Amino acid sequence: MKNTRRIATWTAAAAALLLLLAACATKTNAGSGGPSSSATATGAGGITVKATSVGLLGTALVTSDGFTLYTLSADAGGKVTCTSTSCTGIWPPLLVPTGGTAIAGSGVTASMLGTITTPSGAKQVTYNKWPLYRFSQDSAAGQSNGQGIQSFGGVWHPIAPGGQPIVGGSSATPSSSSSGYGY
């Protein structure tokens, strides 16, 4: 009986956490612009992607406010596989507001920038056909705490201006080990 109650308590706590993450992801997708925002808007309904130096990784794509953008190896070939609330709560997709566009900023090849329609109908920014995501544990511009994390059916990597994931290199912070994030 004690074990049943304990399991029920943990299940309820996990469900509450998922609902909280879903609510945060929904609020984030509205383009609040803060560090956890999945959409970084500039201009009239546009999302700017630019290239800059990211810690020890070298040059990588970032949002207009400097947050590192990531790819998921399972998304190869331009498909979106991070669609569950548990995934998008941790790895918010970079979304274009309705009627908006993806804008090539400094160091970004405009012809490689695009969008893909997610299963929910949203427009997610892509680069060289890779859907782009933020990592919720990057709390400041220039961090790459998501580098090399294995979760949600693949491995997460920042993307280089040349259009390929940055597989080698080190994260900008020592706390970015993949342990503890094996979702």
N, C-alpha and C. Protein backbone atom coordinates (compact mmCIF):
# COMPACT_ATOMS: atom_id res chain seq x y z
N MET A 1 0.81 -1.18 0.00
CA MET A 1 0.00 0.00 0.00
C MET A 1 0.86 1.26 0.00
N LYS A 2 1.97 1.25 0.82
CA LYS A 2 2.86 2.39 0.85
C LYS A 2 3.49 2.63 -0.51
N ASN A 3 3.92 1.56 -1.16
CA ASN A 3 4.54 1.70 -2.48
C ASN A 3 3.56 2.25 -3.50
N THR A 4 2.32 1.83 -3.44
CA THR A 4 1.31 2.33 -4.36
C THR A 4 1.10 3.82 -4.17
N ARG A 5 1.03 4.27 -2.91
CA ARG A 5 0.87 5.70 -2.65
C ARG A 5 2.10 6.47 -3.12
N ARG A 6 3.28 5.92 -2.87
CA ARG A 6 4.52 6.58 -3.28
C ARG A 6 4.57 6.71 -4.80
N ILE A 7 4.21 5.65 -5.51
CA ILE A 7 4.19 5.70 -6.98
C ILE A 7 3.17 6.72 -7.46
N ALA A 8 2.00 6.74 -6.83
CA ALA A 8 0.97 7.70 -7.23
C ALA A 8 1.44 9.13 -6.99
N THR A 9 2.12 9.37 -5.87
CA THR A 9 2.64 10.70 -5.55
C THR A 9 3.68 11.12 -6.59
N TRP A 10 4.60 10.24 -6.90
CA TRP A 10 5.64 10.56 -7.89
C TRP A 10 5.03 10.77 -9.28
N THR A 11 4.04 9.98 -9.63
CA THR A 11 3.38 10.14 -10.93
C THR A 11 2.68 11.49 -11.01
N ALA A 12 1.99 11.86 -9.93
CA ALA A 12 1.31 13.16 -9.91
C ALA A 12 2.31 14.30 -9.98
N ALA A 13 3.43 14.17 -9.27
CA ALA A 13 4.46 15.22 -9.32
C ALA A 13 5.05 15.34 -10.71
N ALA A 14 5.31 14.21 -11.36
CA ALA A 14 5.85 14.23 -12.73
C ALA A 14 4.86 14.87 -13.69
N ALA A 15 3.58 14.53 -13.56
CA ALA A 15 2.55 15.11 -14.43
C ALA A 15 2.46 16.62 -14.22
N ALA A 16 2.53 17.06 -12.96
CA ALA A 16 2.49 18.50 -12.68
C ALA A 16 3.68 19.21 -13.30
N LEU A 17 4.86 18.59 -13.22
CA LEU A 17 6.05 19.18 -13.81
C LEU A 17 5.91 19.30 -15.33
N LEU A 18 5.38 18.26 -15.97
CA LEU A 18 5.18 18.31 -17.42
C LEU A 18 4.20 19.41 -17.80
N LEU A 19 3.13 19.55 -17.01
CA LEU A 19 2.17 20.62 -17.30
C LEU A 19 2.82 21.99 -17.13
N LEU A 20 3.65 22.15 -16.10
CA LEU A 20 4.36 23.41 -15.91
C LEU A 20 5.29 23.69 -17.08
N LEU A 21 6.03 22.67 -17.52
CA LEU A 21 6.91 22.86 -18.68
C LEU A 21 6.11 23.22 -19.93
N ALA A 22 4.97 22.59 -20.11
CA ALA A 22 4.14 22.90 -21.27
C ALA A 22 3.65 24.34 -21.21
N ALA A 23 3.24 24.79 -20.03
CA ALA A 23 2.79 26.17 -19.88
C ALA A 23 3.92 27.14 -20.16
N CYS A 24 5.11 26.82 -19.67
CA CYS A 24 6.27 27.69 -19.92
C CYS A 24 6.60 27.71 -21.40
N ALA A 25 6.54 26.56 -22.05
CA ALA A 25 6.84 26.50 -23.48
C ALA A 25 5.82 27.30 -24.27
N THR A 26 4.55 27.23 -23.89
CA THR A 26 3.52 27.99 -24.59
C THR A 26 3.75 29.47 -24.40
N LYS A 27 4.05 29.90 -23.17
CA LYS A 27 4.32 31.31 -22.92
C LYS A 27 5.58 31.74 -23.66
N THR A 28 6.60 30.88 -23.66
CA THR A 28 7.85 31.18 -24.33
C THR A 28 7.64 31.37 -25.82
N ASN A 29 6.81 30.53 -26.44
CA ASN A 29 6.60 30.61 -27.88
C ASN A 29 5.88 31.87 -28.29
N ALA A 30 5.33 32.58 -27.32
CA ALA A 30 4.66 33.84 -27.64
C ALA A 30 5.65 34.94 -27.96
N GLY A 31 6.97 34.64 -27.80
CA GLY A 31 7.97 35.63 -28.18
C GLY A 31 8.27 36.63 -27.09
N SER A 32 8.31 36.19 -25.84
CA SER A 32 8.56 37.11 -24.74
C SER A 32 9.93 37.75 -24.81
N GLY A 33 10.88 37.13 -25.53
CA GLY A 33 12.18 37.74 -25.74
C GLY A 33 13.18 37.52 -24.63
N GLY A 34 12.78 36.91 -23.51
CA GLY A 34 13.70 36.66 -22.40
C GLY A 34 14.64 35.51 -22.71
N PRO A 35 15.52 35.19 -21.77
CA PRO A 35 16.50 34.14 -21.99
C PRO A 35 15.91 32.80 -22.35
N SER A 36 14.70 32.49 -21.89
CA SER A 36 14.12 31.19 -22.20
C SER A 36 13.23 31.24 -23.44
N SER A 37 13.20 32.35 -24.11
CA SER A 37 12.33 32.50 -25.26
C SER A 37 12.76 31.61 -26.42
N SER A 38 11.78 30.95 -27.04
CA SER A 38 12.09 30.13 -28.20
C SER A 38 12.12 30.98 -29.46
N ALA A 39 11.54 32.14 -29.41
CA ALA A 39 11.50 33.01 -30.58
C ALA A 39 12.13 34.35 -30.21
N THR A 40 13.10 34.73 -30.99
CA THR A 40 13.74 36.03 -30.76
C THR A 40 13.34 36.92 -31.92
N ALA A 41 12.41 37.80 -31.68
CA ALA A 41 11.85 38.61 -32.74
C ALA A 41 12.65 39.89 -32.94
N THR A 42 12.78 40.27 -34.20
CA THR A 42 13.34 41.56 -34.55
C THR A 42 12.52 42.11 -35.69
N GLY A 43 12.40 43.39 -35.76
CA GLY A 43 11.65 43.99 -36.85
C GLY A 43 10.18 43.62 -36.77
N ALA A 44 9.52 43.60 -37.91
CA ALA A 44 8.09 43.33 -37.98
C ALA A 44 7.85 41.84 -38.19
N GLY A 45 7.80 41.08 -37.11
CA GLY A 45 7.46 39.67 -37.21
C GLY A 45 8.57 38.78 -37.72
N GLY A 46 9.80 39.24 -37.65
CA GLY A 46 10.90 38.42 -38.13
C GLY A 46 11.72 37.83 -37.01
N ILE A 47 12.40 36.74 -37.30
CA ILE A 47 13.32 36.08 -36.37
C ILE A 47 14.70 36.17 -37.00
N THR A 48 15.63 36.82 -36.32
CA THR A 48 16.98 36.96 -36.85
C THR A 48 17.89 35.88 -36.28
N VAL A 49 18.62 35.25 -37.17
CA VAL A 49 19.64 34.27 -36.81
C VAL A 49 20.97 34.84 -37.27
N LYS A 50 21.97 34.83 -36.39
CA LYS A 50 23.28 35.36 -36.76
C LYS A 50 24.35 34.38 -36.31
N ALA A 51 25.59 34.63 -36.71
CA ALA A 51 26.72 33.79 -36.33
C ALA A 51 27.65 34.59 -35.44
N THR A 52 28.18 33.93 -34.41
CA THR A 52 29.12 34.58 -33.50
C THR A 52 29.96 33.51 -32.81
N SER A 53 31.00 33.94 -32.14
CA SER A 53 31.85 33.02 -31.39
C SER A 53 31.11 32.55 -30.15
N VAL A 54 31.10 31.22 -29.94
CA VAL A 54 30.42 30.62 -28.79
C VAL A 54 31.45 29.80 -28.01
N GLY A 55 31.96 30.39 -26.93
CA GLY A 55 32.90 29.68 -26.06
C GLY A 55 34.02 29.01 -26.81
N LEU A 56 34.29 27.77 -26.45
CA LEU A 56 35.37 27.01 -27.06
C LEU A 56 34.95 26.29 -28.35
N LEU A 57 33.68 26.45 -28.74
CA LEU A 57 33.18 25.76 -29.94
C LEU A 57 33.62 26.44 -31.23
N GLY A 58 33.90 27.71 -31.17
CA GLY A 58 34.17 28.48 -32.38
C GLY A 58 32.92 29.25 -32.76
N THR A 59 32.73 29.47 -34.05
CA THR A 59 31.59 30.24 -34.54
C THR A 59 30.38 29.33 -34.71
N ALA A 60 29.26 29.77 -34.16
CA ALA A 60 28.02 29.01 -34.23
C ALA A 60 26.86 29.96 -34.46
N LEU A 61 25.72 29.41 -34.85
CA LEU A 61 24.52 30.22 -35.03
C LEU A 61 23.89 30.50 -33.67
N VAL A 62 23.38 31.73 -33.54
CA VAL A 62 22.74 32.17 -32.31
C VAL A 62 21.51 33.00 -32.66
N THR A 63 20.68 33.24 -31.64
CA THR A 63 19.55 34.14 -31.81
C THR A 63 20.08 35.57 -31.84
N SER A 64 19.22 36.54 -32.11
CA SER A 64 19.67 37.93 -32.16
C SER A 64 20.18 38.41 -30.81
N ASP A 65 19.75 37.76 -29.72
CA ASP A 65 20.26 38.14 -28.40
C ASP A 65 21.38 37.22 -27.92
N GLY A 66 21.96 36.42 -28.82
CA GLY A 66 23.18 35.68 -28.53
C GLY A 66 23.03 34.29 -27.96
N PHE A 67 21.82 33.75 -27.89
CA PHE A 67 21.63 32.40 -27.35
C PHE A 67 21.89 31.35 -28.44
N THR A 68 22.69 30.35 -28.08
CA THR A 68 23.12 29.32 -29.02
C THR A 68 21.93 28.54 -29.57
N LEU A 69 22.00 28.24 -30.86
CA LEU A 69 20.99 27.43 -31.53
C LEU A 69 21.55 26.03 -31.76
N TYR A 70 20.70 25.03 -31.57
CA TYR A 70 21.10 23.63 -31.64
C TYR A 70 20.31 22.87 -32.69
N THR A 71 20.91 21.74 -33.10
CA THR A 71 20.25 20.78 -33.98
C THR A 71 20.17 19.46 -33.23
N LEU A 72 19.26 18.60 -33.63
CA LEU A 72 19.12 17.26 -33.08
C LEU A 72 19.44 16.28 -34.20
N SER A 73 20.37 15.35 -33.96
CA SER A 73 20.79 14.42 -35.02
C SER A 73 19.61 13.64 -35.59
N ALA A 74 18.58 13.39 -34.82
CA ALA A 74 17.40 12.67 -35.31
C ALA A 74 16.61 13.48 -36.34
N ASP A 75 16.88 14.79 -36.42
CA ASP A 75 16.19 15.66 -37.37
C ASP A 75 16.87 15.73 -38.74
N ALA A 76 17.89 14.90 -38.96
CA ALA A 76 18.60 14.90 -40.25
C ALA A 76 17.61 14.78 -41.39
N GLY A 77 17.87 15.52 -42.45
CA GLY A 77 17.00 15.48 -43.62
C GLY A 77 15.80 16.41 -43.52
N GLY A 78 15.79 17.27 -42.53
CA GLY A 78 14.75 18.29 -42.46
C GLY A 78 13.45 17.84 -41.81
N LYS A 79 13.48 16.81 -40.97
CA LYS A 79 12.26 16.42 -40.28
C LYS A 79 12.31 16.93 -38.84
N VAL A 80 11.15 17.17 -38.25
CA VAL A 80 11.06 17.64 -36.87
C VAL A 80 10.64 16.46 -36.01
N THR A 81 11.54 16.04 -35.10
CA THR A 81 11.22 14.91 -34.22
C THR A 81 11.00 15.33 -32.77
N CYS A 82 11.44 16.52 -32.40
CA CYS A 82 11.25 17.03 -31.04
C CYS A 82 9.90 17.73 -31.00
N THR A 83 8.85 16.96 -30.73
CA THR A 83 7.50 17.51 -30.77
C THR A 83 6.74 17.33 -29.46
N SER A 84 7.20 16.45 -28.59
CA SER A 84 6.50 16.22 -27.33
C SER A 84 6.72 17.41 -26.40
N THR A 85 5.82 17.59 -25.47
CA THR A 85 5.95 18.65 -24.48
C THR A 85 7.21 18.48 -23.66
N SER A 86 7.56 17.23 -23.36
CA SER A 86 8.77 17.01 -22.57
C SER A 86 10.01 17.44 -23.35
N CYS A 87 10.03 17.26 -24.65
CA CYS A 87 11.16 17.67 -25.47
C CYS A 87 11.18 19.19 -25.66
N THR A 88 10.08 19.76 -26.12
CA THR A 88 10.06 21.20 -26.41
C THR A 88 10.14 22.05 -25.15
N GLY A 89 9.85 21.48 -23.99
CA GLY A 89 10.02 22.21 -22.74
C GLY A 89 11.49 22.41 -22.40
N ILE A 90 12.32 21.47 -22.82
CA ILE A 90 13.76 21.54 -22.57
C ILE A 90 14.48 22.14 -23.76
N TRP A 91 14.02 21.82 -24.95
CA TRP A 91 14.63 22.28 -26.20
C TRP A 91 13.58 23.07 -26.98
N PRO A 92 13.30 24.32 -26.59
CA PRO A 92 12.28 25.10 -27.30
C PRO A 92 12.67 25.33 -28.76
N PRO A 93 11.77 25.03 -29.69
CA PRO A 93 12.06 25.29 -31.10
C PRO A 93 12.10 26.79 -31.37
N LEU A 94 12.91 27.17 -32.35
CA LEU A 94 12.95 28.57 -32.78
C LEU A 94 11.81 28.74 -33.77
N LEU A 95 10.76 29.44 -33.34
CA LEU A 95 9.55 29.59 -34.15
C LEU A 95 9.42 30.99 -34.72
N VAL A 96 8.85 31.05 -35.91
CA VAL A 96 8.57 32.33 -36.57
C VAL A 96 7.12 32.70 -36.24
N PRO A 97 6.87 33.94 -35.81
CA PRO A 97 5.48 34.34 -35.56
C PRO A 97 4.66 34.26 -36.84
N THR A 98 3.37 34.07 -36.70
CA THR A 98 2.47 33.99 -37.85
C THR A 98 2.70 35.19 -38.76
N GLY A 99 2.94 34.92 -40.02
CA GLY A 99 3.19 35.98 -41.00
C GLY A 99 4.61 36.50 -40.99
N GLY A 100 5.44 36.01 -40.09
CA GLY A 100 6.82 36.48 -39.99
C GLY A 100 7.76 35.70 -40.90
N THR A 101 9.02 36.10 -40.86
CA THR A 101 10.04 35.45 -41.69
C THR A 101 11.29 35.19 -40.87
N ALA A 102 12.12 34.31 -41.39
CA ALA A 102 13.45 34.08 -40.82
C ALA A 102 14.40 35.04 -41.53
N ILE A 103 15.20 35.77 -40.75
CA ILE A 103 16.08 36.80 -41.29
C ILE A 103 17.53 36.40 -41.07
N ALA A 104 18.32 36.44 -42.14
CA ALA A 104 19.75 36.12 -42.06
C ALA A 104 20.50 37.32 -41.52
N GLY A 105 21.08 37.17 -40.33
CA GLY A 105 21.90 38.21 -39.74
C GLY A 105 23.35 38.03 -40.15
N SER A 106 24.22 38.71 -39.46
CA SER A 106 25.65 38.69 -39.72
C SER A 106 26.21 37.27 -39.71
N GLY A 107 26.93 36.90 -40.78
CA GLY A 107 27.59 35.60 -40.86
C GLY A 107 26.72 34.44 -41.28
N VAL A 108 25.45 34.69 -41.56
CA VAL A 108 24.51 33.62 -41.93
C VAL A 108 24.24 33.68 -43.43
N THR A 109 24.28 32.53 -44.08
CA THR A 109 23.98 32.44 -45.51
C THR A 109 22.47 32.40 -45.69
N ALA A 110 21.91 33.45 -46.27
CA ALA A 110 20.46 33.59 -46.41
C ALA A 110 19.82 32.41 -47.13
N SER A 111 20.49 31.86 -48.14
CA SER A 111 19.90 30.75 -48.89
C SER A 111 19.80 29.46 -48.07
N MET A 112 20.52 29.37 -46.96
CA MET A 112 20.44 28.18 -46.10
C MET A 112 19.35 28.33 -45.03
N LEU A 113 18.86 29.53 -44.84
CA LEU A 113 17.86 29.81 -43.82
C LEU A 113 16.47 29.57 -44.38
N GLY A 114 15.63 28.90 -43.62
CA GLY A 114 14.27 28.63 -44.07
C GLY A 114 13.37 28.29 -42.91
N THR A 115 12.21 27.72 -43.22
CA THR A 115 11.29 27.27 -42.19
C THR A 115 10.72 25.92 -42.60
N ILE A 116 10.20 25.22 -41.61
CA ILE A 116 9.52 23.96 -41.84
C ILE A 116 8.26 23.99 -40.97
N THR A 117 7.20 23.39 -41.46
CA THR A 117 5.97 23.33 -40.68
C THR A 117 6.05 22.14 -39.73
N THR A 118 5.87 22.42 -38.44
CA THR A 118 5.90 21.36 -37.43
C THR A 118 4.57 20.61 -37.45
N PRO A 119 4.51 19.44 -36.82
CA PRO A 119 3.24 18.72 -36.77
C PRO A 119 2.11 19.52 -36.13
N SER A 120 2.45 20.51 -35.27
CA SER A 120 1.41 21.34 -34.65
C SER A 120 0.98 22.49 -35.55
N GLY A 121 1.65 22.67 -36.69
CA GLY A 121 1.30 23.73 -37.63
C GLY A 121 2.13 24.99 -37.49
N ALA A 122 3.03 25.04 -36.51
CA ALA A 122 3.90 26.20 -36.33
C ALA A 122 5.01 26.19 -37.38
N LYS A 123 5.60 27.35 -37.62
CA LYS A 123 6.73 27.47 -38.55
C LYS A 123 8.02 27.53 -37.74
N GLN A 124 8.85 26.50 -37.88
CA GLN A 124 10.11 26.42 -37.17
C GLN A 124 11.24 26.81 -38.10
N VAL A 125 12.17 27.62 -37.60
CA VAL A 125 13.31 28.07 -38.40
C VAL A 125 14.25 26.89 -38.64
N THR A 126 14.77 26.81 -39.87
CA THR A 126 15.75 25.78 -40.23
C THR A 126 17.00 26.45 -40.80
N TYR A 127 18.09 25.72 -40.75
CA TYR A 127 19.33 26.17 -41.39
C TYR A 127 19.95 24.96 -42.06
N ASN A 128 20.15 25.06 -43.37
CA ASN A 128 20.63 23.93 -44.17
C ASN A 128 19.74 22.71 -43.92
N LYS A 129 18.44 22.95 -43.81
CA LYS A 129 17.39 21.97 -43.58
C LYS A 129 17.39 21.36 -42.17
N TRP A 130 18.20 21.87 -41.25
CA TRP A 130 18.20 21.42 -39.85
C TRP A 130 17.24 22.29 -39.05
N PRO A 131 16.18 21.74 -38.44
CA PRO A 131 15.34 22.52 -37.53
C PRO A 131 16.19 23.04 -36.36
N LEU A 132 15.95 24.28 -35.93
CA LEU A 132 16.76 24.92 -34.90
C LEU A 132 16.01 25.01 -33.57
N TYR A 133 16.77 24.82 -32.49
CA TYR A 133 16.23 24.82 -31.13
C TYR A 133 17.14 25.63 -30.21
N ARG A 134 16.60 26.09 -29.11
CA ARG A 134 17.36 26.64 -27.98
C ARG A 134 17.46 25.56 -26.93
N PHE A 135 18.34 25.74 -25.94
CA PHE A 135 18.43 24.82 -24.80
C PHE A 135 18.05 25.59 -23.55
N SER A 136 17.10 25.08 -22.81
CA SER A 136 16.57 25.80 -21.64
C SER A 136 17.62 26.01 -20.54
N GLN A 137 18.70 25.24 -20.56
CA GLN A 137 19.73 25.39 -19.53
C GLN A 137 20.82 26.39 -19.92
N ASP A 138 20.72 26.99 -21.10
CA ASP A 138 21.59 28.12 -21.46
C ASP A 138 20.93 29.37 -20.88
N SER A 139 21.51 29.90 -19.81
CA SER A 139 20.88 31.03 -19.13
C SER A 139 21.46 32.39 -19.54
N ALA A 140 22.50 32.37 -20.37
CA ALA A 140 23.10 33.62 -20.81
C ALA A 140 23.62 33.45 -22.23
N ALA A 141 23.72 34.55 -22.92
CA ALA A 141 24.26 34.54 -24.28
C ALA A 141 25.66 33.93 -24.27
N GLY A 142 25.98 33.18 -25.33
CA GLY A 142 27.31 32.61 -25.47
C GLY A 142 27.52 31.27 -24.79
N GLN A 143 26.53 30.77 -24.06
CA GLN A 143 26.67 29.46 -23.44
C GLN A 143 26.31 28.36 -24.43
N SER A 144 26.88 27.18 -24.21
CA SER A 144 26.56 26.02 -25.06
C SER A 144 26.43 24.78 -24.17
N ASN A 145 25.61 24.88 -23.15
CA ASN A 145 25.43 23.80 -22.19
C ASN A 145 24.77 22.56 -22.79
N GLY A 146 24.16 22.69 -23.96
CA GLY A 146 23.50 21.56 -24.59
C GLY A 146 24.39 20.74 -25.50
N GLN A 147 25.63 21.18 -25.70
CA GLN A 147 26.56 20.50 -26.62
C GLN A 147 26.75 19.03 -26.23
N GLY A 148 26.43 18.13 -27.16
CA GLY A 148 26.70 16.71 -27.01
C GLY A 148 25.72 15.94 -26.14
N ILE A 149 24.64 16.57 -25.69
CA ILE A 149 23.67 15.86 -24.87
C ILE A 149 22.91 14.85 -25.72
N GLN A 150 22.80 13.63 -25.22
CA GLN A 150 22.03 12.59 -25.89
C GLN A 150 20.66 12.53 -25.24
N SER A 151 19.63 12.82 -26.01
CA SER A 151 18.26 12.74 -25.51
C SER A 151 17.30 12.84 -26.67
N PHE A 152 16.09 12.37 -26.43
CA PHE A 152 15.01 12.46 -27.41
C PHE A 152 15.39 11.88 -28.77
N GLY A 153 16.06 10.73 -28.74
CA GLY A 153 16.35 9.99 -29.96
C GLY A 153 17.55 10.45 -30.75
N GLY A 154 18.38 11.31 -30.19
CA GLY A 154 19.55 11.78 -30.92
C GLY A 154 20.52 12.51 -30.03
N VAL A 155 21.43 13.23 -30.67
CA VAL A 155 22.45 14.01 -29.98
C VAL A 155 22.29 15.47 -30.41
N TRP A 156 22.40 16.38 -29.45
CA TRP A 156 22.22 17.81 -29.68
C TRP A 156 23.57 18.47 -29.90
N HIS A 157 23.64 19.32 -30.94
CA HIS A 157 24.86 20.06 -31.24
C HIS A 157 24.51 21.45 -31.75
N PRO A 158 25.34 22.47 -31.42
CA PRO A 158 25.20 23.76 -32.07
C PRO A 158 25.47 23.58 -33.57
N ILE A 159 25.08 24.56 -34.36
CA ILE A 159 25.28 24.47 -35.81
C ILE A 159 26.21 25.59 -36.28
N ALA A 160 27.11 25.23 -37.18
CA ALA A 160 28.09 26.17 -37.72
C ALA A 160 27.48 26.97 -38.88
N PRO A 161 28.04 28.13 -39.19
CA PRO A 161 27.54 28.92 -40.32
C PRO A 161 27.61 28.17 -41.65
N GLY A 162 28.48 27.17 -41.75
CA GLY A 162 28.56 26.35 -42.97
C GLY A 162 27.40 25.38 -43.12
N GLY A 163 26.57 25.25 -42.07
CA GLY A 163 25.36 24.43 -42.16
C GLY A 163 25.46 23.05 -41.55
N GLN A 164 26.57 22.73 -40.89
CA GLN A 164 26.72 21.41 -40.28
C GLN A 164 26.78 21.52 -38.76
N PRO A 165 26.28 20.50 -38.06
CA PRO A 165 26.40 20.51 -36.59
C PRO A 165 27.86 20.54 -36.15
N ILE A 166 28.13 21.24 -35.07
CA ILE A 166 29.48 21.30 -34.49
C ILE A 166 29.60 20.12 -33.53
N VAL A 167 30.21 19.05 -33.99
CA VAL A 167 30.27 17.82 -33.23
C VAL A 167 31.43 17.83 -32.25
N GLY A 168 32.58 18.33 -32.64
CA GLY A 168 33.74 18.39 -31.74
C GLY A 168 33.69 19.63 -30.88
N GLY A 169 34.72 19.80 -30.10
CA GLY A 169 34.82 21.00 -29.28
C GLY A 169 34.25 20.80 -27.91
N SER A 170 34.44 21.80 -27.11
CA SER A 170 34.00 21.77 -25.72
C SER A 170 32.90 22.78 -25.51
N SER A 171 32.15 22.56 -24.48
CA SER A 171 31.12 23.50 -24.10
C SER A 171 31.76 24.73 -23.46
N ALA A 172 31.03 25.81 -23.43
CA ALA A 172 31.53 27.05 -22.86
C ALA A 172 31.58 27.01 -21.34
N THR A 173 30.86 26.09 -20.73
CA THR A 173 30.84 26.03 -19.28
C THR A 173 31.11 24.61 -18.83
N PRO A 174 31.78 24.43 -17.68
CA PRO A 174 32.09 23.10 -17.22
C PRO A 174 30.89 22.31 -16.75
N SER A 175 29.75 22.94 -16.52
CA SER A 175 28.58 22.23 -16.02
C SER A 175 27.75 21.60 -17.12
N SER A 176 28.28 21.50 -18.32
CA SER A 176 27.45 21.06 -19.44
C SER A 176 27.59 19.59 -19.77
N SER A 177 28.02 18.78 -18.87
CA SER A 177 28.13 17.35 -19.16
C SER A 177 26.78 16.79 -19.48
N SER A 178 26.76 15.72 -20.25
CA SER A 178 25.49 15.14 -20.63
C SER A 178 24.88 14.32 -19.52
N SER A 179 25.58 14.08 -18.44
CA SER A 179 24.99 13.32 -17.35
C SER A 179 23.86 14.11 -16.73
N GLY A 180 22.79 13.42 -16.44
CA GLY A 180 21.63 14.08 -15.84
C GLY A 180 20.63 14.59 -16.85
N TYR A 181 20.96 14.54 -18.13
CA TYR A 181 20.02 15.03 -19.14
C TYR A 181 19.63 13.91 -20.11
N GLY A 182 19.76 12.67 -19.74
CA GLY A 182 19.42 11.57 -20.64
C GLY A 182 17.95 11.30 -20.68
N TYR A 183 17.18 12.23 -21.21
CA TYR A 183 15.73 12.17 -21.20
C TYR A 183 15.23 11.04 -22.06
